[in-house]
């Protein structure tokens, strides 16, 4: 897309968001926990599997 969303398009997305539009609560909770406990995932790979959702966090990038 080579243009910004119009005000009407933006409002439609906010009123009826697509299922993938916002972060899943479980992914946010996992990310927060990992940031607070980096030693628990050091040298490990972490994945969060949810309904229609796959999030991958490589501890090397935290």
C-alpha atoms as a PDB file:
ATOM      1  CA  UNK A   1       0.000   0.000   0.000  1.00  0.00           C
ATOM      2  CA  UNK A   2       1.502   3.284  -1.068  1.00  0.00           C
ATOM      3  CA  UNK A   3      -0.660   5.608   1.004  1.00  0.00           C
ATOM      4  CA  UNK A   4      -1.840   6.151   4.556  1.00  0.00           C
ATOM      5  CA  UNK A   5      -5.211   4.853   5.691  1.00  0.00           C
ATOM      6  CA  UNK A   6      -8.003   7.378   5.370  1.00  0.00           C
ATOM      7  CA  UNK A   7      -9.821   8.491   8.518  1.00  0.00           C
ATOM      8  CA  UNK A   8     -12.756   6.277   7.522  1.00  0.00           C
ATOM      9  CA  UNK A   9     -10.512   3.225   6.998  1.00  0.00           C
ATOM     10  CA  UNK A  10      -8.765   3.814  10.310  1.00  0.00           C
ATOM     11  CA  UNK A  11     -12.072   4.125  12.152  1.00  0.00           C
ATOM     12  CA  UNK A  12     -13.358   0.907  10.555  1.00  0.00           C
ATOM     13  CA  UNK A  13     -10.228  -0.972  11.724  1.00  0.00           C
ATOM     14  CA  UNK A  14     -10.640   0.368  15.255  1.00  0.00           C
ATOM     15  CA  UNK A  15     -14.347  -0.484  15.370  1.00  0.00           C
ATOM     16  CA  UNK A  16     -14.019  -3.956  13.827  1.00  0.00           C
ATOM     17  CA  UNK A  17     -10.390  -5.081  14.163  1.00  0.00           C
ATOM     18  CA  UNK A  18      -9.132  -8.142  12.331  1.00  0.00           C
ATOM     19  CA  UNK A  19      -8.287 -11.070  14.622  1.00  0.00           C
ATOM     20  CA  UNK A  20      -4.529 -10.595  14.096  1.00  0.00           C
ATOM     21  CA  UNK A  21      -4.593  -6.812  14.476  1.00  0.00           C
ATOM     22  CA  UNK A  22      -3.826  -6.661  18.204  1.00  0.00           C
ATOM     23  CA  UNK A  23      -1.306  -8.524  20.343  1.00  0.00           C
ATOM     24  CA  UNK A  24      -2.695 -11.558  22.107  1.00  0.00           C
ATOM     25  CA  UNK A  25      -2.796 -11.226  25.897  1.00  0.00           C
ATOM     26  CA  UNK A  26      -0.924 -14.514  26.371  1.00  0.00           C
ATOM     27  CA  UNK A  27       1.921 -13.328  24.148  1.00  0.00           C
ATOM     28  CA  UNK A  28       2.181 -10.059  26.043  1.00  0.00           C
ATOM     29  CA  UNK A  29       2.198 -11.879  29.384  1.00  0.00           C
ATOM     30  CA  UNK A  30       4.895 -14.293  28.185  1.00  0.00           C
ATOM     31  CA  UNK A  31       7.057 -11.461  26.852  1.00  0.00           C
ATOM     32  CA  UNK A  32       6.733  -9.551  30.151  1.00  0.00           C
ATOM     33  CA  UNK A  33       7.657 -12.659  32.161  1.00  0.00           C
ATOM     34  CA  UNK A  34      10.689 -13.354  29.953  1.00  0.00           C
ATOM     35  CA  UNK A  35      11.890  -9.772  30.297  1.00  0.00           C
ATOM     36  CA  UNK A  36      11.551 -10.041  34.095  1.00  0.00           C
ATOM     37  CA  UNK A  37      13.217 -13.498  34.246  1.00  0.00           C
ATOM     38  CA  UNK A  38      15.845 -13.654  31.494  1.00  0.00           C
ATOM     39  CA  UNK A  39      17.935 -16.179  33.421  1.00  0.00           C
ATOM     40  CA  UNK A  40      15.084 -18.726  33.113  1.00  0.00           C
ATOM     41  CA  UNK A  41      15.320 -18.746  29.329  1.00  0.00           C
ATOM     42  CA  UNK A  42      19.039 -18.146  28.868  1.00  0.00           C
ATOM     43  CA  UNK A  43      20.401 -20.297  26.016  1.00  0.00           C
ATOM     44  CA  UNK A  44      16.899 -21.604  25.275  1.00  0.00           C
ATOM     45  CA  UNK A  45      14.273 -20.950  22.643  1.00  0.00           C
ATOM     46  CA  UNK A  46      10.757 -20.056  23.727  1.00  0.00           C
ATOM     47  CA  UNK A  47       7.557 -20.465  21.726  1.00  0.00           C
ATOM     48  CA  UNK A  48       4.019 -19.562  22.673  1.00  0.00           C
ATOM     49  CA  UNK A  49       1.496 -21.741  20.842  1.00  0.00           C
ATOM     50  CA  UNK A  50      -2.076 -20.518  20.879  1.00  0.00           C
ATOM     51  CA  UNK A  51      -5.176 -20.765  18.764  1.00  0.00           C
ATOM     52  CA  UNK A  52      -4.122 -19.481  15.351  1.00  0.00           C
ATOM     53  CA  UNK A  53      -1.130 -17.852  16.962  1.00  0.00           C
ATOM     54  CA  UNK A  54       2.564 -18.647  16.961  1.00  0.00           C
ATOM     55  CA  UNK A  55       4.981 -16.326  18.638  1.00  0.00           C
ATOM     56  CA  UNK A  56       8.702 -16.985  18.781  1.00  0.00           C
ATOM     57  CA  UNK A  57      11.151 -15.163  20.966  1.00  0.00           C
ATOM     58  CA  UNK A  58      14.853 -15.866  20.560  1.00  0.00           C
ATOM     59  CA  UNK A  59      16.521 -15.152  23.930  1.00  0.00           C
ATOM     60  CA  UNK A  60      19.610 -13.933  22.076  1.00  0.00           C
ATOM     61  CA  UNK A  61      17.566 -10.926  20.999  1.00  0.00           C
ATOM     62  CA  UNK A  62      16.212  -9.981  24.419  1.00  0.00           C
END
